[in-house]
Amino acid sequence: MAQARIYRPAATPTQSGRKRMQPWILEFHSQSRRHRDPLMGWTGFDDTRSSQVRLRFTSREEAVAYAKRAELSYDVQESNEKRAIIKPYAANFITHRRHNPVRKTPRALSSAG
């Protein structure tokens, strides 16, 4: 019985919205070892499914249903959902944050000049 992994890839660091979330992916585990082609020196697999086939699904349930229909043993890796930090827009410009090691007070500014 073929083994598969169902997961949702993480969003890239530049993505901030949730509208275009990544689809769920079913990826096959490799059943054979890699071999080296004696003529060209390329590395390859005997099993095309494990090296080249990645199936995309819009939901986790669709991927699991496909794995059951195809009689695959599967492992589902839950994705870490990004939690939204709700704060006012003005909080982006606060200068007296706790983690800021250098606090510029009016006295420090006047003595520096």
C-alpha atoms as a PDB file:
ATOM      1  CA  MET A   1       0.000   0.000   0.000  1.00  0.00           C
ATOM      2  CA  ALA A   2       1.398   3.389  -0.986  1.00  0.00           C
ATOM      3  CA  GLN A   3       2.025   5.986   1.680  1.00  0.00           C
ATOM      4  CA  ALA A   4       1.077   9.642   1.325  1.00  0.00           C
ATOM      5  CA  ARG A   5       1.462  12.859   3.274  1.00  0.00           C
ATOM      6  CA  ILE A   6      -1.304  15.480   3.336  1.00  0.00           C
ATOM      7  CA  TYR A   7      -0.279  18.977   4.385  1.00  0.00           C
ATOM      8  CA  ARG A   8      -0.775  22.670   3.753  1.00  0.00           C
ATOM      9  CA  PRO A   9       2.444  24.535   2.988  1.00  0.00           C
ATOM     10  CA  ALA A  10       3.250  27.603   5.030  1.00  0.00           C
ATOM     11  CA  ALA A  11       2.667  31.012   3.524  1.00  0.00           C
ATOM     12  CA  THR A  12       5.721  32.935   2.453  1.00  0.00           C
ATOM     13  CA  PRO A  13       6.852  35.735   4.786  1.00  0.00           C
ATOM     14  CA  THR A  14       5.717  38.392   2.313  1.00  0.00           C
ATOM     15  CA  GLN A  15       2.109  37.198   2.295  1.00  0.00           C
ATOM     16  CA  SER A  16      -0.053  38.957   4.830  1.00  0.00           C
ATOM     17  CA  GLY A  17      -3.597  38.302   3.622  1.00  0.00           C
ATOM     18  CA  ARG A  18      -5.717  35.200   3.928  1.00  0.00           C
ATOM     19  CA  LYS A  19      -7.602  35.359   0.640  1.00  0.00           C
ATOM     20  CA  ARG A  20      -5.184  33.234  -1.379  1.00  0.00           C
ATOM     21  CA  MET A  21      -4.380  30.568   1.165  1.00  0.00           C
ATOM     22  CA  GLN A  22      -2.268  27.684  -0.007  1.00  0.00           C
ATOM     23  CA  PRO A  23      -4.148  24.544  -1.093  1.00  0.00           C
ATOM     24  CA  TRP A  24      -3.830  21.223   0.691  1.00  0.00           C
ATOM     25  CA  ILE A  25      -1.225  18.986  -0.970  1.00  0.00           C
ATOM     26  CA  LEU A  26      -1.077  15.205  -1.137  1.00  0.00           C
ATOM     27  CA  GLU A  27       2.488  14.027  -1.686  1.00  0.00           C
ATOM     28  CA  PHE A  28       3.571  10.414  -2.074  1.00  0.00           C
ATOM     29  CA  HIS A  29       6.399   8.934  -0.008  1.00  0.00           C
ATOM     30  CA  SER A  30       9.203   7.344  -1.926  1.00  0.00           C
ATOM     31  CA  GLN A  31       8.988   3.555  -2.137  1.00  0.00           C
ATOM     32  CA  SER A  32      12.332   3.107  -3.874  1.00  0.00           C
ATOM     33  CA  ARG A  33      15.820   4.406  -3.369  1.00  0.00           C
ATOM     34  CA  ARG A  34      17.524   6.924  -5.591  1.00  0.00           C
ATOM     35  CA  HIS A  35      19.883   5.595  -8.183  1.00  0.00           C
ATOM     36  CA  ARG A  36      22.567   7.222 -10.282  1.00  0.00           C
ATOM     37  CA  ASP A  37      22.523   6.942 -14.040  1.00  0.00           C
ATOM     38  CA  PRO A  38      25.870   5.436 -15.101  1.00  0.00           C
ATOM     39  CA  LEU A  39      26.035   7.302 -18.404  1.00  0.00           C
ATOM     40  CA  MET A  40      24.989  10.856 -17.502  1.00  0.00           C
ATOM     41  CA  GLY A  41      25.445  10.784 -13.731  1.00  0.00           C
ATOM     42  CA  TRP A  42      21.910  12.046 -13.072  1.00  0.00           C
ATOM     43  CA  THR A  43      20.117  11.033  -9.919  1.00  0.00           C
ATOM     44  CA  GLY A  44      16.660   9.560 -10.352  1.00  0.00           C
ATOM     45  CA  PHE A  45      13.871   7.416  -8.936  1.00  0.00           C
ATOM     46  CA  ASP A  46      12.203   4.350 -10.326  1.00  0.00           C
ATOM     47  CA  ASP A  47       8.901   5.577  -8.894  1.00  0.00           C
ATOM     48  CA  THR A  48       7.507   8.624 -10.730  1.00  0.00           C
ATOM     49  CA  ARG A  49       4.706   9.232  -8.214  1.00  0.00           C
ATOM     50  CA  SER A  50       7.019   9.905  -5.288  1.00  0.00           C
ATOM     51  CA  SER A  51       9.323  12.282  -7.125  1.00  0.00           C
ATOM     52  CA  GLN A  52       7.060  14.253  -9.453  1.00  0.00           C
ATOM     53  CA  VAL A  53       3.391  13.981  -8.500  1.00  0.00           C
ATOM     54  CA  ARG A  54       1.860  16.486  -6.058  1.00  0.00           C
ATOM     55  CA  LEU A  55      -1.928  16.618  -5.952  1.00  0.00           C
ATOM     56  CA  ARG A  56      -3.626  19.846  -4.836  1.00  0.00           C
ATOM     57  CA  PHE A  57      -6.981  19.987  -3.044  1.00  0.00           C
ATOM     58  CA  THR A  58      -9.054  22.926  -1.839  1.00  0.00           C
ATOM     59  CA  SER A  59      -9.808  21.344   1.541  1.00  0.00           C
ATOM     60  CA  ARG A  60      -8.355  18.806   3.926  1.00  0.00           C
ATOM     61  CA  GLU A  61     -11.498  16.664   3.681  1.00  0.00           C
ATOM     62  CA  GLU A  62     -11.150  16.348  -0.108  1.00  0.00           C
ATOM     63  CA  ALA A  63      -7.548  15.169   0.224  1.00  0.00           C
ATOM     64  CA  VAL A  64      -8.467  12.599   2.877  1.00  0.00           C
ATOM     65  CA  ALA A  65     -11.415  11.359   0.782  1.00  0.00           C
ATOM     66  CA  TYR A  66      -9.119  10.901  -2.225  1.00  0.00           C
ATOM     67  CA  ALA A  67      -6.572   8.982  -0.134  1.00  0.00           C
ATOM     68  CA  LYS A  68      -9.307   6.671   1.139  1.00  0.00           C
ATOM     69  CA  ARG A  69     -10.712   6.121  -2.378  1.00  0.00           C
ATOM     70  CA  ALA A  70      -7.248   5.313  -3.718  1.00  0.00           C
ATOM     71  CA  GLU A  71      -6.568   3.030  -0.719  1.00  0.00           C
ATOM     72  CA  LEU A  72      -3.508   4.996   0.403  1.00  0.00           C
ATOM     73  CA  SER A  73      -2.175   4.999   3.919  1.00  0.00           C
ATOM     74  CA  TYR A  74      -1.906   8.686   4.707  1.00  0.00           C
ATOM     75  CA  ASP A  75      -0.592  11.011   7.383  1.00  0.00           C
ATOM     76  CA  VAL A  76      -2.198  14.439   7.848  1.00  0.00           C
ATOM     77  CA  GLN A  77      -0.001  17.259   9.096  1.00  0.00           C
ATOM     78  CA  GLU A  78      -2.120  20.079  10.471  1.00  0.00           C
ATOM     79  CA  SER A  79      -1.083  23.560   9.441  1.00  0.00           C
ATOM     80  CA  ASN A  80      -0.254  26.308  11.893  1.00  0.00           C
ATOM     81  CA  GLU A  81      -2.816  29.004  11.306  1.00  0.00           C
ATOM     82  CA  LYS A  82      -1.605  32.555  11.613  1.00  0.00           C
ATOM     83  CA  ARG A  83      -3.354  34.422  14.412  1.00  0.00           C
ATOM     84  CA  ALA A  84      -4.281  38.004  13.729  1.00  0.00           C
ATOM     85  CA  ILE A  85      -3.114  40.505  16.323  1.00  0.00           C
ATOM     86  CA  ILE A  86      -5.863  43.064  16.555  1.00  0.00           C
ATOM     87  CA  LYS A  87      -4.520  46.483  17.475  1.00  0.00           C
ATOM     88  CA  PRO A  88      -5.199  50.053  16.476  1.00  0.00           C
ATOM     89  CA  TYR A  89      -3.234  51.532  13.598  1.00  0.00           C
ATOM     90  CA  ALA A  90      -1.655  54.110  15.928  1.00  0.00           C
ATOM     91  CA  ALA A  91       0.065  51.293  17.845  1.00  0.00           C
ATOM     92  CA  ASN A  92       2.549  50.992  14.958  1.00  0.00           C
ATOM     93  CA  PHE A  93       4.005  54.378  15.863  1.00  0.00           C
ATOM     94  CA  ILE A  94       4.386  54.076  19.649  1.00  0.00           C
ATOM     95  CA  THR A  95       7.896  55.123  20.645  1.00  0.00           C
ATOM     96  CA  HIS A  96       7.909  53.953  24.265  1.00  0.00           C
ATOM     97  CA  ARG A  97       7.629  50.208  23.757  1.00  0.00           C
ATOM     98  CA  ARG A  98       8.841  47.902  26.492  1.00  0.00           C
ATOM     99  CA  HIS A  99      11.224  45.964  24.252  1.00  0.00           C
ATOM    100  CA  ASN A 100      12.941  49.136  22.991  1.00  0.00           C
ATOM    101  CA  PRO A 101      16.343  49.164  24.800  1.00  0.00           C
ATOM    102  CA  VAL A 102      17.077  52.826  24.027  1.00  0.00           C
ATOM    103  CA  ARG A 103      14.485  55.240  25.309  1.00  0.00           C
ATOM    104  CA  LYS A 104      14.774  58.753  24.090  1.00  0.00           C
ATOM    105  CA  THR A 105      13.372  61.061  26.712  1.00  0.00           C
ATOM    106  CA  PRO A 106      13.142  64.828  26.276  1.00  0.00           C
ATOM    107  CA  ARG A 107      16.063  65.261  28.720  1.00  0.00           C
ATOM    108  CA  ALA A 108      18.289  62.852  26.724  1.00  0.00           C
ATOM    109  CA  LEU A 109      17.428  64.624  23.497  1.00  0.00           C
ATOM    110  CA  SER A 110      18.270  68.080  24.872  1.00  0.00           C
ATOM    111  CA  SER A 111      21.625  66.964  26.339  1.00  0.00           C
ATOM    112  CA  ALA A 112      22.698  65.217  23.131  1.00  0.00           C
ATOM    113  CA  GLY A 113      22.569  68.359  21.003  1.00  0.00           C
END
